[in-house]
Amino acid sequence: MGKTSDLTAVQKTIIDTLHKEGKTQKVIAKEAGCSQSSVSKHINRQAKGWKKCGRKKCTSSRDNRTLQRIVTTNPFKNVGEIHKEWTAAGVSASRTTTRRLMKDMGFRCRIPCVKPLLNKKQRKKRLAWAKDKKDWTDAEWSTVMFSDESKFCISFGNQGPRVWRKSGEAQNPRCMRSSVKFPPSVMVWGAMSSAGVGPLCFLRSRVNAAVYQEVLEHFMLPAADQLYGDADFTFQQDLAPAHSAKTTSTWFKDHGIPVLDWPANSPDLNPIENLWGIVKRRMQYARPNNAEELKTTIRATWALITPEQCHRLIESMPRRITAVIEAKGAPTKY
């Protein structure tokens, strides 16, 4: 960072403050995170009373506030639409200026996060659930076995790698990715606790109550023996129709397994969702050719999940609950 113009307002403030305190330029540069020459130039400019030179801004502070209000009101508009609305308000500025000012204001074009849409009743129930569980300790959460289903496709969309190529090589087979209209996919059921993960179950058909109870019988029970032995545990599941069916509730009662009450549309509260994300990120460079190879890759990647990773995710439950309470039941970053 060699030019004074590259210094941010915060850096300039730090330089001015430390300079008044009599600090050396070397110390100031280290504290401000810039080069010593930048500190020297800024101090000299301040001493000589130099003002910033350059072309006069074409927009006023009022115009900039109007632009910020437009972007904040509808952040899903593109630059062209924002520029059109801004100039319609009487501002004379180019599209390039619009983009630059938006960047200066801190706006960046990003892929939006996807969160479940919650109605007022669901938010209220989530908040009540979080307040009820806010005093749970790590030891209590370690007795919970979390479960969930997730879909895996051979094509992972935008999660795949980018390619380095030269101009004119767009159609070179070496630089192209294969795609299929309907990529083979598998639905997977899994479970985890603070002690690690259980065996995976690949679902062959649509999950109804009968199919789900078979999964519980042949995969959940062995997972419980593996993770808890003879110790007591509580099972967690979401509110999918197969999970909340009367026959499924009867199955749990017959087997003496308590089920954790769970709020609707709350994947952000389930740590196993993070495990699915870890598995899919690790598989982003894998290129299985069919469903069987996809299953093999999933099993191998799932087997790499360590008990330490699971324990850290379980330890995050108090933070997740606090986040829900602070958000008053709204979806959180988890």
Protein backbone atom coordinates (compact mmCIF):
# COMPACT_ATOMS: atom_id res chain seq x y z
CA MET A 1 0.00 0.00 0.00
CA GLY A 2 2.17 2.83 -1.24
CA LYS A 3 -0.26 5.66 -2.03
CA THR A 4 -1.94 7.94 0.50
CA SER A 5 -5.18 7.67 -1.48
CA ASP A 6 -5.23 3.94 -0.70
CA LEU A 7 -5.58 4.60 3.01
CA THR A 8 -9.02 4.08 4.49
CA ALA A 9 -10.70 6.58 6.78
CA VAL A 10 -10.01 4.30 9.75
CA GLN A 11 -6.31 4.05 8.90
CA LYS A 12 -6.03 7.82 8.54
CA THR A 13 -7.66 8.28 11.95
CA ILE A 14 -5.24 5.79 13.52
CA ILE A 15 -2.26 7.58 11.93
CA ASP A 16 -3.42 11.01 13.10
CA THR A 17 -4.07 9.77 16.65
CA LEU A 18 -0.76 7.94 17.07
CA HIS A 19 1.17 10.81 15.46
CA LYS A 20 -0.24 13.21 18.05
CA GLU A 21 0.87 10.78 20.76
CA GLY A 22 4.43 11.01 19.44
CA LYS A 23 4.70 7.47 18.12
CA THR A 24 7.31 6.69 15.47
CA GLN A 25 6.26 6.15 11.87
CA LYS A 26 7.37 2.52 12.06
CA VAL A 27 5.08 1.86 15.03
CA ILE A 28 2.22 3.78 13.38
CA ALA A 29 2.57 1.80 10.15
CA LYS A 30 2.39 -1.48 12.07
CA GLU A 31 -0.71 -0.40 14.02
CA ALA A 32 -2.48 1.01 10.94
CA GLY A 33 -1.61 -1.97 8.76
CA CYS A 34 0.03 0.01 5.96
CA SER A 35 3.51 0.86 4.69
CA GLN A 36 5.75 3.37 6.43
CA SER A 37 5.90 5.50 3.28
CA SER A 38 2.10 5.80 3.31
CA VAL A 39 2.27 7.05 6.89
CA SER A 40 4.96 9.56 5.98
CA LYS A 41 3.02 10.89 2.97
CA HIS A 42 -0.16 11.26 4.98
CA ILE A 43 1.59 13.11 7.81
CA ASN A 44 3.33 15.43 5.34
CA ARG A 45 0.06 16.15 3.54
CA GLN A 46 -1.61 16.97 6.82
CA ALA A 47 1.27 19.25 7.85
CA LYS A 48 1.20 21.15 4.54
CA GLY A 49 -2.59 21.39 4.56
CA TRP A 50 -2.97 19.66 1.20
CA LYS A 51 -6.47 18.80 0.18
CA LYS A 52 -7.49 15.87 -1.93
CA CYS A 53 -7.30 16.69 -5.61
CA GLY A 54 -9.22 15.20 -8.48
CA ARG A 55 -12.45 15.58 -10.35
CA LYS A 56 -15.43 16.95 -8.44
CA LYS A 57 -18.04 14.38 -7.52
CA CYS A 58 -21.09 14.39 -9.77
CA THR A 59 -23.47 13.35 -6.98
CA SER A 60 -24.33 14.96 -3.68
CA SER A 61 -24.73 13.35 -0.29
CA ARG A 62 -28.48 13.51 -0.81
CA ASP A 63 -28.16 11.64 -4.11
CA ASN A 64 -26.05 8.98 -2.41
CA ARG A 65 -28.64 8.53 0.33
CA THR A 66 -31.28 8.08 -2.35
CA LEU A 67 -29.17 5.37 -3.99
CA GLN A 68 -28.64 3.60 -0.68
CA ARG A 69 -32.38 3.69 0.01
CA ILE A 70 -33.13 2.18 -3.42
CA VAL A 71 -30.67 -0.68 -2.91
CA THR A 72 -31.82 -1.34 0.65
CA THR A 73 -35.50 -1.35 -0.32
CA ASN A 74 -35.04 -3.99 -3.03
CA PRO A 75 -31.62 -5.65 -2.86
CA PHE A 76 -32.54 -8.17 -5.57
CA LYS A 77 -32.54 -5.58 -8.38
CA ASN A 78 -29.64 -5.63 -10.81
CA VAL A 79 -27.38 -2.64 -11.47
CA GLY A 80 -29.32 -1.62 -14.59
CA GLU A 81 -32.63 -1.51 -12.74
CA ILE A 82 -31.10 0.38 -9.80
CA HIS A 83 -29.44 2.89 -12.13
CA LYS A 84 -32.71 3.45 -14.01
CA GLU A 85 -34.64 4.11 -10.80
CA TRP A 86 -31.89 6.36 -9.45
CA THR A 87 -31.68 8.54 -12.57
CA ALA A 88 -35.50 8.70 -12.65
CA ALA A 89 -35.23 10.50 -9.30
CA GLY A 90 -33.34 13.32 -11.04
CA VAL A 91 -29.74 12.16 -10.54
CA SER A 92 -27.30 12.55 -13.43
CA ALA A 93 -24.81 9.67 -13.19
CA SER A 94 -23.55 6.85 -15.38
CA ARG A 95 -24.12 3.17 -14.76
CA THR A 96 -20.41 2.82 -13.92
CA THR A 97 -20.74 5.53 -11.27
CA THR A 98 -23.79 3.75 -9.85
CA ARG A 99 -21.87 0.48 -9.53
CA ARG A 100 -18.83 2.23 -8.01
CA LEU A 101 -20.89 4.11 -5.43
CA MET A 102 -22.73 0.93 -4.46
CA LYS A 103 -19.35 -0.73 -3.93
CA ASP A 104 -18.14 2.24 -1.86
CA MET A 105 -21.23 1.91 0.31
CA GLY A 106 -20.26 -1.68 1.07
CA PHE A 107 -22.74 -3.46 -1.22
CA ARG A 108 -21.44 -6.61 -2.96
CA CYS A 109 -23.25 -8.87 -5.42
CA ARG A 110 -23.44 -12.31 -3.82
CA ILE A 111 -25.46 -15.50 -4.13
CA PRO A 112 -28.26 -15.16 -1.52
CA CYS A 113 -28.45 -17.61 1.35
CA VAL A 114 -31.51 -19.84 1.34
CA LYS A 115 -33.51 -20.03 4.55
CA PRO A 116 -36.90 -21.65 5.22
CA LEU A 117 -39.86 -19.30 5.13
CA LEU A 118 -41.43 -19.18 8.59
CA ASN A 119 -44.83 -17.81 9.43
CA LYS A 120 -45.63 -15.96 12.63
CA LYS A 121 -46.92 -19.07 14.40
CA GLN A 122 -43.81 -21.08 13.55
CA ARG A 123 -41.51 -18.31 14.75
CA LYS A 124 -43.42 -18.13 18.01
CA LYS A 125 -43.05 -21.89 18.54
CA ARG A 126 -39.34 -21.77 17.69
CA LEU A 127 -38.81 -18.98 20.19
CA ALA A 128 -40.71 -20.84 22.91
CA TRP A 129 -38.72 -24.01 22.18
CA ALA A 130 -35.42 -22.12 22.35
CA LYS A 131 -36.31 -20.47 25.66
CA ASP A 132 -37.27 -23.87 27.07
CA LYS A 133 -33.90 -25.39 26.02
CA LYS A 134 -31.63 -22.39 26.73
CA ASP A 135 -30.39 -23.83 30.04
CA TRP A 136 -29.50 -27.26 28.65
CA THR A 137 -25.89 -28.20 29.26
CA ASP A 138 -23.44 -29.87 26.88
CA ALA A 139 -23.93 -33.10 28.83
CA GLU A 140 -27.68 -33.00 28.17
CA TRP A 141 -27.21 -32.30 24.47
CA SER A 142 -24.69 -35.15 24.24
CA THR A 143 -27.53 -37.57 25.05
CA VAL A 144 -29.42 -36.52 21.91
CA MET A 145 -29.06 -38.47 18.66
CA PHE A 146 -29.73 -36.11 15.75
CA SER A 147 -31.04 -37.48 12.45
CA ASP A 148 -31.97 -36.22 9.01
CA GLU A 149 -32.29 -37.11 5.34
CA SER A 150 -30.36 -35.45 2.53
CA LYS A 151 -30.34 -35.71 -1.25
CA PHE A 152 -27.09 -36.24 -3.16
CA CYS A 153 -26.78 -35.77 -6.93
CA ILE A 154 -23.96 -36.74 -9.29
CA SER A 155 -23.93 -33.12 -10.43
CA PHE A 156 -23.32 -30.67 -7.60
CA GLY A 157 -24.09 -27.53 -9.60
CA ASN A 158 -22.10 -24.42 -8.68
CA GLN A 159 -20.11 -26.30 -6.08
CA GLY A 160 -17.91 -27.75 -8.81
CA PRO A 161 -14.48 -26.36 -9.70
CA ARG A 162 -13.81 -23.47 -12.08
CA VAL A 163 -11.49 -23.86 -15.03
CA TRP A 164 -8.41 -21.97 -16.16
CA ARG A 165 -8.53 -21.56 -19.94
CA LYS A 166 -7.39 -19.22 -22.67
CA SER A 167 -9.57 -17.18 -25.00
CA GLY A 168 -11.20 -19.38 -27.62
CA GLU A 169 -10.99 -22.57 -25.56
CA ALA A 170 -14.56 -22.43 -24.25
CA GLN A 171 -15.61 -25.39 -26.43
CA ASN A 172 -12.44 -27.38 -25.85
CA PRO A 173 -13.47 -30.73 -24.28
CA ARG A 174 -10.56 -30.36 -21.86
CA CYS A 175 -12.18 -27.20 -20.48
CA MET A 176 -15.79 -28.37 -20.38
CA ARG A 177 -17.85 -30.02 -17.67
CA SER A 178 -20.29 -32.80 -18.44
CA SER A 179 -23.93 -32.36 -17.50
CA VAL A 180 -27.05 -34.46 -17.71
CA LYS A 181 -30.67 -33.35 -17.85
CA PHE A 182 -31.79 -35.58 -14.99
CA PRO A 183 -28.68 -36.50 -12.97
CA PRO A 184 -28.88 -39.69 -10.90
CA SER A 185 -29.43 -38.95 -7.25
CA VAL A 186 -29.83 -40.81 -3.97
CA MET A 187 -31.63 -39.97 -0.75
CA VAL A 188 -29.65 -40.74 2.39
CA TRP A 189 -30.67 -41.07 6.04
CA GLY A 190 -28.04 -40.58 8.72
CA ALA A 191 -27.64 -39.99 12.45
CA MET A 192 -25.01 -38.44 14.70
CA SER A 193 -24.23 -37.74 18.33
CA SER A 194 -21.33 -36.19 20.19
CA ALA A 195 -19.64 -39.61 20.00
CA GLY A 196 -19.64 -39.76 16.19
CA VAL A 197 -21.84 -40.85 13.31
CA GLY A 198 -23.96 -43.91 12.75
CA PRO A 199 -24.39 -46.06 9.61
CA LEU A 200 -25.99 -44.52 6.53
CA CYS A 201 -29.21 -45.76 4.98
CA PHE A 202 -29.83 -45.23 1.26
CA LEU A 203 -33.56 -44.90 0.70
CA ARG A 204 -34.86 -46.69 -2.38
CA SER A 205 -38.42 -45.40 -2.39
CA ARG A 206 -40.51 -42.53 -1.20
CA VAL A 207 -40.39 -42.39 2.60
CA ASN A 208 -43.74 -43.14 4.20
CA ALA A 209 -44.37 -44.22 7.78
CA ALA A 210 -43.76 -47.92 7.06
CA VAL A 211 -40.48 -47.29 5.24
CA TYR A 212 -39.32 -44.91 7.95
CA GLN A 213 -40.02 -47.45 10.70
CA GLU A 214 -37.88 -49.98 8.81
CA VAL A 215 -35.07 -47.41 8.76
CA LEU A 216 -35.45 -46.95 12.51
CA GLU A 217 -35.45 -50.70 13.09
CA HIS A 218 -32.45 -51.60 10.93
CA PHE A 219 -30.31 -48.45 11.10
CA MET A 220 -31.30 -46.20 14.01
CA LEU A 221 -31.23 -48.95 16.64
CA PRO A 222 -27.77 -50.23 15.55
CA ALA A 223 -26.56 -46.61 15.52
CA ALA A 224 -27.83 -46.17 19.09
CA ASP A 225 -25.98 -49.32 20.20
CA GLN A 226 -22.83 -48.06 18.48
CA LEU A 227 -22.96 -44.53 19.87
CA TYR A 228 -24.55 -45.01 23.32
CA GLY A 229 -24.25 -48.68 24.25
CA ASP A 230 -26.53 -49.31 27.23
CA ALA A 231 -26.82 -45.61 28.13
CA ASP A 232 -30.09 -43.73 27.72
CA PHE A 233 -30.53 -41.35 24.83
CA THR A 234 -33.15 -39.09 23.23
CA PHE A 235 -33.89 -39.27 19.52
CA GLN A 236 -34.30 -36.15 17.37
CA GLN A 237 -36.21 -35.96 14.10
CA ASP A 238 -37.95 -33.24 12.15
CA LEU A 239 -41.70 -33.01 11.61
CA ALA A 240 -41.93 -34.76 8.24
CA PRO A 241 -45.24 -36.62 7.79
CA ALA A 242 -43.57 -40.04 8.06
CA HIS A 243 -41.88 -38.97 11.29
CA SER A 244 -44.97 -37.56 12.98
CA ALA A 245 -47.35 -40.36 11.91
CA LYS A 246 -49.31 -42.08 14.68
CA THR A 247 -47.81 -45.48 13.82
CA THR A 248 -44.31 -44.01 14.11
CA SER A 249 -45.13 -42.52 17.51
CA THR A 250 -46.42 -45.93 18.57
CA TRP A 251 -43.17 -47.53 17.38
CA PHE A 252 -41.12 -45.22 19.61
CA LYS A 253 -43.36 -45.91 22.60
CA ASP A 254 -43.13 -49.68 22.06
CA HIS A 255 -39.32 -49.46 21.98
CA GLY A 256 -39.14 -47.09 24.97
CA ILE A 257 -37.27 -44.38 23.05
CA PRO A 258 -38.03 -40.76 24.02
CA VAL A 259 -38.29 -38.31 21.11
CA LEU A 260 -37.13 -34.72 21.44
CA ASP A 261 -39.85 -32.16 20.75
CA TRP A 262 -38.78 -30.21 17.67
CA PRO A 263 -40.01 -26.96 16.06
CA ALA A 264 -41.12 -27.00 12.41
CA ASN A 265 -38.84 -25.78 9.59
CA SER A 266 -35.74 -25.60 11.77
CA PRO A 267 -32.76 -27.05 9.88
CA ASP A 268 -30.61 -24.29 11.40
CA LEU A 269 -31.04 -25.97 14.79
CA ASN A 270 -29.97 -29.42 13.60
CA PRO A 271 -26.17 -29.92 13.65
CA ILE A 272 -26.36 -32.87 11.26
CA GLU A 273 -27.20 -30.35 8.52
CA ASN A 274 -23.64 -29.09 8.92
CA LEU A 275 -22.33 -32.63 8.49
CA TRP A 276 -24.21 -32.98 5.20
CA GLY A 277 -22.60 -29.73 4.10
CA ILE A 278 -19.13 -31.02 5.03
CA VAL A 279 -19.68 -34.24 3.09
CA LYS A 280 -20.92 -32.42 -0.01
CA ARG A 281 -18.02 -29.95 0.04
CA ARG A 282 -15.54 -32.81 0.28
CA MET A 283 -17.26 -34.53 -2.63
CA GLN A 284 -17.34 -31.49 -4.92
CA TYR A 285 -14.34 -32.70 -6.92
CA ALA A 286 -15.51 -36.32 -7.07
CA ARG A 287 -16.89 -37.47 -10.40
CA PRO A 288 -18.98 -40.65 -9.90
CA ASN A 289 -20.38 -42.04 -13.14
CA ASN A 290 -23.50 -43.70 -11.75
CA ALA A 291 -25.62 -44.06 -8.64
CA GLU A 292 -23.57 -46.96 -7.24
CA GLU A 293 -20.33 -45.00 -7.51
CA LEU A 294 -22.10 -42.05 -5.91
CA LYS A 295 -23.13 -44.22 -2.95
CA THR A 296 -19.58 -45.52 -2.58
CA THR A 297 -18.23 -41.96 -2.54
CA ILE A 298 -20.81 -40.87 0.05
CA ARG A 299 -19.98 -43.82 2.33
CA ALA A 300 -16.25 -43.17 2.09
CA THR A 301 -16.65 -39.46 2.80
CA TRP A 302 -19.10 -40.06 5.66
CA ALA A 303 -16.59 -42.46 7.23
CA LEU A 304 -14.05 -39.61 7.43
CA ILE A 305 -16.25 -37.63 9.84
CA THR A 306 -14.49 -37.72 13.20
CA PRO A 307 -16.02 -37.80 16.69
CA GLU A 308 -14.24 -34.50 17.37
CA GLN A 309 -16.17 -32.82 14.54
CA CYS A 310 -19.45 -34.18 15.87
CA HIS A 311 -18.62 -33.10 19.40
CA ARG A 312 -17.88 -29.53 18.25
CA LEU A 313 -21.21 -29.39 16.41
CA ILE A 314 -23.10 -30.64 19.46
CA GLU A 315 -21.33 -28.00 21.55
CA SER A 316 -22.76 -25.36 19.20
CA MET A 317 -26.34 -26.06 20.32
CA PRO A 318 -26.36 -23.37 23.08
CA ARG A 319 -25.13 -20.81 20.51
CA ARG A 320 -27.80 -21.87 18.03
CA ILE A 321 -30.49 -21.49 20.67
CA THR A 322 -29.16 -18.08 21.72
CA ALA A 323 -29.22 -16.99 18.08
CA VAL A 324 -32.87 -18.04 17.73
CA ILE A 325 -33.81 -16.14 20.88
CA GLU A 326 -31.98 -13.02 19.69
CA ALA A 327 -33.70 -13.34 16.30
CA LYS A 328 -37.08 -13.77 18.05
CA GLY A 329 -37.68 -17.09 16.33
CA ALA A 330 -36.49 -16.08 12.85
CA PRO A 331 -34.07 -18.27 10.82
CA THR A 332 -30.42 -17.94 11.86
CA LYS A 333 -27.08 -18.28 10.09
CA TYR A 334 -26.63 -21.89 11.15
